[in-house]
Amino acid sequence: ALATLAIFNFIGNWNAFLWPLIAASKPRMF
């Protein structure tokens, strides 16, 4: 279960777009 959760969470946060777009306005933090 830990391995499955790690895969889903890593992929989800790696591909996250909407919130990082809002939370970071400076190019160095993209």
PDB file of all heavy atoms in Angstrom:
ATOM      1  N   ALA A   1       0.831  -1.208   0.000  1.00  0.00           N
ATOM      2  CA  ALA A   1       0.000   0.000   0.000  1.00  0.00           C
ATOM      3  C   ALA A   1       0.862   1.253   0.000  1.00  0.00           C
ATOM      4  O   ALA A   1       0.539   2.243  -0.665  1.00  0.00           O
ATOM      5  CB  ALA A   1      -0.928  -0.003   1.212  1.00  0.00           C
ATOM      6  N   LEU A   2       1.961   1.237   0.734  1.00  0.00           N
ATOM      7  CA  LEU A   2       2.870   2.389   0.751  1.00  0.00           C
ATOM      8  C   LEU A   2       3.466   2.629  -0.632  1.00  0.00           C
ATOM      9  O   LEU A   2       3.578   3.781  -1.077  1.00  0.00           O
ATOM     10  CB  LEU A   2       3.989   2.160   1.770  1.00  0.00           C
ATOM     11  CG  LEU A   2       3.599   2.241   3.250  1.00  0.00           C
ATOM     12  CD1 LEU A   2       4.765   1.810   4.121  1.00  0.00           C
ATOM     13  CD2 LEU A   2       3.157   3.657   3.623  1.00  0.00           C
ATOM     14  N   ALA A   3       3.869   1.553  -1.297  1.00  0.00           N
ATOM     15  CA  ALA A   3       4.441   1.702  -2.637  1.00  0.00           C
ATOM     16  C   ALA A   3       3.418   2.257  -3.618  1.00  0.00           C
ATOM     17  O   ALA A   3       3.725   3.141  -4.426  1.00  0.00           O
ATOM     18  CB  ALA A   3       4.974   0.350  -3.120  1.00  0.00           C
ATOM     19  N   THR A   4       2.191   1.743  -3.539  1.00  0.00           N
ATOM     20  CA  THR A   4       1.125   2.242  -4.418  1.00  0.00           C
ATOM     21  C   THR A   4       0.836   3.709  -4.148  1.00  0.00           C
ATOM     22  O   THR A   4       0.702   4.515  -5.080  1.00  0.00           O
ATOM     23  CB  THR A   4      -0.148   1.412  -4.204  1.00  0.00           C
ATOM     24  OG1 THR A   4       0.130   0.035  -4.456  1.00  0.00           O
ATOM     25  CG2 THR A   4      -1.250   1.873  -5.147  1.00  0.00           C
ATOM     26  N   LEU A   5       0.743   4.070  -2.881  1.00  0.00           N
ATOM     27  CA  LEU A   5       0.481   5.459  -2.515  1.00  0.00           C
ATOM     28  C   LEU A   5       1.623   6.367  -2.963  1.00  0.00           C
ATOM     29  O   LEU A   5       1.394   7.490  -3.419  1.00  0.00           O
ATOM     30  CB  LEU A   5       0.278   5.569  -1.005  1.00  0.00           C
ATOM     31  CG  LEU A   5      -0.047   6.957  -0.452  1.00  0.00           C
ATOM     32  CD1 LEU A   5      -1.332   7.499  -1.071  1.00  0.00           C
ATOM     33  CD2 LEU A   5      -0.178   6.912   1.076  1.00  0.00           C
ATOM     34  N   ALA A   6       2.852   5.888  -2.840  1.00  0.00           N
ATOM     35  CA  ALA A   6       4.007   6.679  -3.259  1.00  0.00           C
ATOM     36  C   ALA A   6       3.965   6.951  -4.762  1.00  0.00           C
ATOM     37  O   ALA A   6       4.237   8.070  -5.209  1.00  0.00           O
ATOM     38  CB  ALA A   6       5.306   5.961  -2.890  1.00  0.00           C
ATOM     39  N   ILE A   7       3.614   5.926  -5.539  1.00  0.00           N
ATOM     40  CA  ILE A   7       3.538   6.101  -6.989  1.00  0.00           C
ATOM     41  C   ILE A   7       2.479   7.136  -7.355  1.00  0.00           C
ATOM     42  O   ILE A   7       2.732   8.083  -8.107  1.00  0.00           O
ATOM     43  CB  ILE A   7       3.235   4.758  -7.679  1.00  0.00           C
ATOM     44  CG1 ILE A   7       4.426   3.814  -7.553  1.00  0.00           C
ATOM     45  CG2 ILE A   7       2.902   4.971  -9.156  1.00  0.00           C
ATOM     46  CD1 ILE A   7       4.157   2.432  -8.088  1.00  0.00           C
ATOM     47  N   PHE A   8       1.270   6.958  -6.821  1.00  0.00           N
ATOM     48  CA  PHE A   8       0.178   7.869  -7.152  1.00  0.00           C
ATOM     49  C   PHE A   8       0.501   9.302  -6.724  1.00  0.00           C
ATOM     50  O   PHE A   8       0.239  10.256  -7.459  1.00  0.00           O
ATOM     51  CB  PHE A   8      -1.119   7.409  -6.486  1.00  0.00           C
ATOM     52  CG  PHE A   8      -1.719   6.187  -7.099  1.00  0.00           C
ATOM     53  CD1 PHE A   8      -2.530   5.332  -6.364  1.00  0.00           C
ATOM     54  CD2 PHE A   8      -1.477   5.874  -8.430  1.00  0.00           C
ATOM     55  CE1 PHE A   8      -3.087   4.198  -6.938  1.00  0.00           C
ATOM     56  CE2 PHE A   8      -2.018   4.742  -9.003  1.00  0.00           C
ATOM     57  CZ  PHE A   8      -2.831   3.904  -8.254  1.00  0.00           C
ATOM     58  N   ASN A   9       1.054   9.444  -5.520  1.00  0.00           N
ATOM     59  CA  ASN A   9       1.312  10.788  -5.013  1.00  0.00           C
ATOM     60  C   ASN A   9       2.449  11.462  -5.774  1.00  0.00           C
ATOM     61  O   ASN A   9       2.364  12.652  -6.102  1.00  0.00           O
ATOM     62  CB  ASN A   9       1.648  10.725  -3.521  1.00  0.00           C
ATOM     63  CG  ASN A   9       1.682  12.095  -2.888  1.00  0.00           C
ATOM     64  OD1 ASN A   9       0.660  12.674  -2.567  1.00  0.00           O
ATOM     65  ND2 ASN A   9       2.880  12.644  -2.699  1.00  0.00           N
ATOM     66  N   PHE A  10       3.519  10.729  -6.061  1.00  0.00           N
ATOM     67  CA  PHE A  10       4.640  11.312  -6.797  1.00  0.00           C
ATOM     68  C   PHE A  10       4.196  11.757  -8.180  1.00  0.00           C
ATOM     69  O   PHE A  10       4.509  12.878  -8.617  1.00  0.00           O
ATOM     70  CB  PHE A  10       5.782  10.308  -6.896  1.00  0.00           C
ATOM     71  CG  PHE A  10       7.043  10.879  -7.496  1.00  0.00           C
ATOM     72  CD1 PHE A  10       8.015  11.421  -6.676  1.00  0.00           C
ATOM     73  CD2 PHE A  10       7.243  10.893  -8.861  1.00  0.00           C
ATOM     74  CE1 PHE A  10       9.176  11.964  -7.214  1.00  0.00           C
ATOM     75  CE2 PHE A  10       8.400  11.424  -9.417  1.00  0.00           C
ATOM     76  CZ  PHE A  10       9.372  11.963  -8.579  1.00  0.00           C
ATOM     77  N   ILE A  11       3.467  10.891  -8.873  1.00  0.00           N
ATOM     78  CA  ILE A  11       2.998  11.239 -10.213  1.00  0.00           C
ATOM     79  C   ILE A  11       2.045  12.426 -10.154  1.00  0.00           C
ATOM     80  O   ILE A  11       2.121  13.346 -10.981  1.00  0.00           O
ATOM     81  CB  ILE A  11       2.325  10.028 -10.877  1.00  0.00           C
ATOM     82  CG1 ILE A  11       3.356   8.938 -11.159  1.00  0.00           C
ATOM     83  CG2 ILE A  11       1.618  10.432 -12.168  1.00  0.00           C
ATOM     84  CD1 ILE A  11       2.766   7.664 -11.724  1.00  0.00           C
ATOM     85  N   GLY A  12       1.141  12.422  -9.168  1.00  0.00           N
ATOM     86  CA  GLY A  12       0.181  13.517  -9.057  1.00  0.00           C
ATOM     87  C   GLY A  12       0.845  14.852  -8.805  1.00  0.00           C
ATOM     88  O   GLY A  12       0.487  15.864  -9.421  1.00  0.00           O
ATOM     89  N   ASN A  13       1.830  14.888  -7.898  1.00  0.00           N
ATOM     90  CA  ASN A  13       2.516  16.144  -7.595  1.00  0.00           C
ATOM     91  C   ASN A  13       3.496  16.539  -8.691  1.00  0.00           C
ATOM     92  O   ASN A  13       3.734  17.729  -8.910  1.00  0.00           O
ATOM     93  CB  ASN A  13       3.243  16.032  -6.253  1.00  0.00           C
ATOM     94  CG  ASN A  13       2.305  16.159  -5.073  1.00  0.00           C
ATOM     95  OD1 ASN A  13       1.907  17.242  -4.674  1.00  0.00           O
ATOM     96  ND2 ASN A  13       1.925  15.018  -4.505  1.00  0.00           N
ATOM     97  N   TRP A  14       4.071  15.565  -9.370  1.00  0.00           N
ATOM     98  CA  TRP A  14       4.977  15.879 -10.476  1.00  0.00           C
ATOM     99  C   TRP A  14       4.216  16.520 -11.631  1.00  0.00           C
ATOM    100  O   TRP A  14       4.709  17.442 -12.272  1.00  0.00           O
ATOM    101  CB  TRP A  14       5.678  14.616 -10.948  1.00  0.00           C
ATOM    102  CG  TRP A  14       6.716  14.839 -12.009  1.00  0.00           C
ATOM    103  CD1 TRP A  14       6.521  14.845 -13.360  1.00  0.00           C
ATOM    104  CD2 TRP A  14       8.106  15.122 -11.810  1.00  0.00           C
ATOM    105  NE1 TRP A  14       7.697  15.096 -14.018  1.00  0.00           N
ATOM    106  CE2 TRP A  14       8.694  15.272 -13.091  1.00  0.00           C
ATOM    107  CE3 TRP A  14       8.903  15.256 -10.682  1.00  0.00           C
ATOM    108  CZ2 TRP A  14      10.047  15.549 -13.263  1.00  0.00           C
ATOM    109  CZ3 TRP A  14      10.251  15.533 -10.844  1.00  0.00           C
ATOM    110  CH2 TRP A  14      10.807  15.681 -12.116  1.00  0.00           C
ATOM    111  N   ASN A  15       3.000  16.036 -11.882  1.00  0.00           N
ATOM    112  CA  ASN A  15       2.207  16.548 -12.998  1.00  0.00           C
ATOM    113  C   ASN A  15       1.283  17.695 -12.612  1.00  0.00           C
ATOM    114  O   ASN A  15       0.587  18.231 -13.480  1.00  0.00           O
ATOM    115  CB  ASN A  15       1.356  15.419 -13.593  1.00  0.00           C
ATOM    116  CG  ASN A  15       2.196  14.386 -14.314  1.00  0.00           C
ATOM    117  OD1 ASN A  15       3.243  14.695 -14.870  1.00  0.00           O
ATOM    118  ND2 ASN A  15       1.751  13.142 -14.308  1.00  0.00           N
ATOM    119  N   ALA A  16       1.244  18.075 -11.335  1.00  0.00           N
ATOM    120  CA  ALA A  16       0.333  19.134 -10.891  1.00  0.00           C
ATOM    121  C   ALA A  16       0.602  20.431 -11.642  1.00  0.00           C
ATOM    122  O   ALA A  16       1.754  20.845 -11.788  1.00  0.00           O
ATOM    123  CB  ALA A  16       0.482  19.344  -9.391  1.00  0.00           C
ATOM    124  N   PHE A  17      -0.474  21.069 -12.075  1.00  0.00           N
ATOM    125  CA  PHE A  17      -0.312  22.292 -12.874  1.00  0.00           C
ATOM    126  C   PHE A  17      -1.056  23.491 -12.286  1.00  0.00           C
ATOM    127  O   PHE A  17      -0.489  24.572 -12.155  1.00  0.00           O
ATOM    128  CB  PHE A  17      -0.805  22.036 -14.300  1.00  0.00           C
ATOM    129  CG  PHE A  17      -0.674  23.232 -15.208  1.00  0.00           C
ATOM    130  CD1 PHE A  17       0.539  23.559 -15.791  1.00  0.00           C
ATOM    131  CD2 PHE A  17      -1.776  24.044 -15.475  1.00  0.00           C
ATOM    132  CE1 PHE A  17       0.666  24.658 -16.625  1.00  0.00           C
ATOM    133  CE2 PHE A  17      -1.663  25.152 -16.301  1.00  0.00           C
ATOM    134  CZ  PHE A  17      -0.430  25.457 -16.871  1.00  0.00           C
ATOM    135  N   LEU A  18      -2.326  23.277 -11.907  1.00  0.00           N
ATOM    136  CA  LEU A  18      -3.170  24.416 -11.538  1.00  0.00           C
ATOM    137  C   LEU A  18      -2.635  25.149 -10.311  1.00  0.00           C
ATOM    138  O   LEU A  18      -2.416  26.378 -10.360  1.00  0.00           O
ATOM    139  CB  LEU A  18      -4.603  23.955 -11.288  1.00  0.00           C
ATOM    140  CG  LEU A  18      -5.595  25.046 -10.861  1.00  0.00           C
ATOM    141  CD1 LEU A  18      -5.690  26.125 -11.941  1.00  0.00           C
ATOM    142  CD2 LEU A  18      -6.972  24.449 -10.576  1.00  0.00           C
ATOM    143  N   TRP A  19      -2.427  24.423  -9.204  1.00  0.00           N
ATOM    144  CA  TRP A  19      -1.994  25.107  -7.988  1.00  0.00           C
ATOM    145  C   TRP A  19      -0.576  25.662  -8.105  1.00  0.00           C
ATOM    146  O   TRP A  19      -0.330  26.800  -7.700  1.00  0.00           O
ATOM    147  CB  TRP A  19      -2.119  24.187  -6.775  1.00  0.00           C
ATOM    148  CG  TRP A  19      -1.543  24.811  -5.533  1.00  0.00           C
ATOM    149  CD1 TRP A  19      -0.461  24.402  -4.822  1.00  0.00           C
ATOM    150  CD2 TRP A  19      -2.003  26.000  -4.888  1.00  0.00           C
ATOM    151  NE1 TRP A  19      -0.215  25.237  -3.772  1.00  0.00           N
ATOM    152  CE2 TRP A  19      -1.154  26.239  -3.787  1.00  0.00           C
ATOM    153  CE3 TRP A  19      -3.057  26.888  -5.132  1.00  0.00           C
ATOM    154  CZ2 TRP A  19      -1.322  27.316  -2.928  1.00  0.00           C
ATOM    155  CZ3 TRP A  19      -3.217  27.965  -4.277  1.00  0.00           C
ATOM    156  CH2 TRP A  19      -2.365  28.173  -3.193  1.00  0.00           C
ATOM    157  N   PRO A  20       0.414  24.932  -8.630  1.00  0.00           N
ATOM    158  CA  PRO A  20       1.740  25.539  -8.811  1.00  0.00           C
ATOM    159  C   PRO A  20       1.713  26.779  -9.709  1.00  0.00           C
ATOM    160  O   PRO A  20       2.497  27.707  -9.499  1.00  0.00           O
ATOM    161  CB  PRO A  20       2.569  24.419  -9.449  1.00  0.00           C
ATOM    162  CG  PRO A  20       1.925  23.175  -8.957  1.00  0.00           C
ATOM    163  CD  PRO A  20       0.457  23.487  -8.915  1.00  0.00           C
ATOM    164  N   LEU A  21       0.801  26.798 -10.685  1.00  0.00           N
ATOM    165  CA  LEU A  21       0.673  27.976 -11.538  1.00  0.00           C
ATOM    166  C   LEU A  21       0.203  29.178 -10.738  1.00  0.00           C
ATOM    167  O   LEU A  21       0.640  30.315 -10.979  1.00  0.00           O
ATOM    168  CB  LEU A  21      -0.303  27.678 -12.673  1.00  0.00           C
ATOM    169  CG  LEU A  21      -0.641  28.834 -13.621  1.00  0.00           C
ATOM    170  CD1 LEU A  21       0.593  29.251 -14.407  1.00  0.00           C
ATOM    171  CD2 LEU A  21      -1.780  28.453 -14.551  1.00  0.00           C
ATOM    172  N   ILE A  22      -0.692  28.942  -9.761  1.00  0.00           N
ATOM    173  CA  ILE A  22      -1.229  30.033  -8.957  1.00  0.00           C
ATOM    174  C   ILE A  22      -0.256  30.435  -7.850  1.00  0.00           C
ATOM    175  O   ILE A  22      -0.084  31.615  -7.552  1.00  0.00           O
ATOM    176  CB  ILE A  22      -2.590  29.619  -8.356  1.00  0.00           C
ATOM    177  CG1 ILE A  22      -3.607  29.390  -9.482  1.00  0.00           C
ATOM    178  CG2 ILE A  22      -3.110  30.666  -7.382  1.00  0.00           C
ATOM    179  CD1 ILE A  22      -4.922  28.800  -9.008  1.00  0.00           C
ATOM    180  N   ALA A  23       0.386  29.440  -7.241  1.00  0.00           N
ATOM    181  CA  ALA A  23       1.230  29.700  -6.070  1.00  0.00           C
ATOM    182  C   ALA A  23       2.579  30.302  -6.422  1.00  0.00           C
ATOM    183  O   ALA A  23       3.238  30.886  -5.559  1.00  0.00           O
ATOM    184  CB  ALA A  23       1.440  28.408  -5.286  1.00  0.00           C
ATOM    185  N   ALA A  24       3.010  30.155  -7.668  1.00  0.00           N
ATOM    186  CA  ALA A  24       4.332  30.663  -8.069  1.00  0.00           C
ATOM    187  C   ALA A  24       4.171  31.569  -9.282  1.00  0.00           C
ATOM    188  O   ALA A  24       3.759  31.112 -10.345  1.00  0.00           O
ATOM    189  CB  ALA A  24       5.276  29.504  -8.385  1.00  0.00           C
ATOM    190  N   SER A  25       4.511  32.824  -9.105  1.00  0.00           N
ATOM    191  CA  SER A  25       4.439  33.776 -10.215  1.00  0.00           C
ATOM    192  C   SER A  25       5.812  34.116 -10.778  1.00  0.00           C
ATOM    193  O   SER A  25       5.911  34.671 -11.863  1.00  0.00           O
ATOM    194  CB  SER A  25       3.746  35.070  -9.751  1.00  0.00           C
ATOM    195  OG  SER A  25       4.447  35.650  -8.657  1.00  0.00           O
ATOM    196  N   LYS A  26       6.871  33.780 -10.042  1.00  0.00           N
ATOM    197  CA  LYS A  26       8.225  34.053 -10.504  1.00  0.00           C
ATOM    198  C   LYS A  26       8.763  32.834 -11.254  1.00  0.00           C
ATOM    199  O   LYS A  26       8.634  31.703 -10.777  1.00  0.00           O
ATOM    200  CB  LYS A  26       9.137  34.384  -9.330  1.00  0.00           C
ATOM    201  CG  LYS A  26       8.738  35.654  -8.590  1.00  0.00           C
ATOM    202  CD  LYS A  26       9.680  35.934  -7.432  1.00  0.00           C
ATOM    203  CE  LYS A  26       9.273  37.213  -6.699  1.00  0.00           C
ATOM    204  NZ  LYS A  26      10.161  37.503  -5.542  1.00  0.00           N
ATOM    205  N   PRO A  27       9.391  33.039 -12.426  1.00  0.00           N
ATOM    206  CA  PRO A  27       9.874  31.896 -13.221  1.00  0.00           C
ATOM    207  C   PRO A  27      10.821  30.971 -12.467  1.00  0.00           C
ATOM    208  O   PRO A  27      10.819  29.765 -12.712  1.00  0.00           O
ATOM    209  CB  PRO A  27      10.579  32.576 -14.405  1.00  0.00           C
ATOM    210  CG  PRO A  27       9.896  33.898 -14.545  1.00  0.00           C
ATOM    211  CD  PRO A  27       9.551  34.319 -13.142  1.00  0.00           C
ATOM    212  N   ARG A  28      11.605  31.493 -11.540  1.00  0.00           N
ATOM    213  CA  ARG A  28      12.563  30.641 -10.821  1.00  0.00           C
ATOM    214  C   ARG A  28      11.863  29.637  -9.906  1.00  0.00           C
ATOM    215  O   ARG A  28      12.468  28.647  -9.501  1.00  0.00           O
ATOM    216  CB  ARG A  28      13.518  31.501  -9.994  1.00  0.00           C
ATOM    217  CG  ARG A  28      12.852  32.294  -8.888  1.00  0.00           C
ATOM    218  CD  ARG A  28      13.848  33.089  -8.067  1.00  0.00           C
ATOM    219  NE  ARG A  28      13.193  33.880  -7.029  1.00  0.00           N
ATOM    220  CZ  ARG A  28      12.818  33.388  -5.854  1.00  0.00           C
ATOM    221  NH1 ARG A  28      13.045  32.112  -5.574  1.00  0.00           N
ATOM    222  NH2 ARG A  28      12.223  34.157  -4.951  1.00  0.00           N
ATOM    223  N   MET A  29      10.587  29.868  -9.575  1.00  0.00           N
ATOM    224  CA  MET A  29       9.848  28.964  -8.701  1.00  0.00           C
ATOM    225  C   MET A  29       8.891  28.061  -9.469  1.00  0.00           C
ATOM    226  O   MET A  29       8.156  27.283  -8.865  1.00  0.00           O
ATOM    227  CB  MET A  29       9.066  29.753  -7.649  1.00  0.00           C
ATOM    228  CG  MET A  29       9.924  30.420  -6.592  1.00  0.00           C
ATOM    229  SD  MET A  29      11.018  29.275  -5.713  1.00  0.00           S
ATOM    230  CE  MET A  29       9.839  28.100  -5.056  1.00  0.00           C
ATOM    231  N   PHE A  30       8.875  28.144 -10.795  1.00  0.00           N
ATOM    232  CA  PHE A  30       7.990  27.283 -11.578  1.00  0.00           C
ATOM    233  C   PHE A  30       8.365  25.817 -11.381  1.00  0.00           C
ATOM    234  O   PHE A  30       9.547  25.472 -11.299  1.00  0.00           O
ATOM    235  CB  PHE A  30       8.083  27.612 -13.068  1.00  0.00           C
ATOM    236  CG  PHE A  30       7.401  28.889 -13.464  1.00  0.00           C
ATOM    237  CD1 PHE A  30       7.570  29.405 -14.744  1.00  0.00           C
ATOM    238  CD2 PHE A  30       6.603  29.575 -12.581  1.00  0.00           C
ATOM    239  CE1 PHE A  30       6.951  30.584 -15.122  1.00  0.00           C
ATOM    240  CE2 PHE A  30       5.973  30.751 -12.942  1.00  0.00           C
ATOM    241  CZ  PHE A  30       6.155  31.262 -14.221  1.00  0.00           C
TER     242      PHE A  30
END
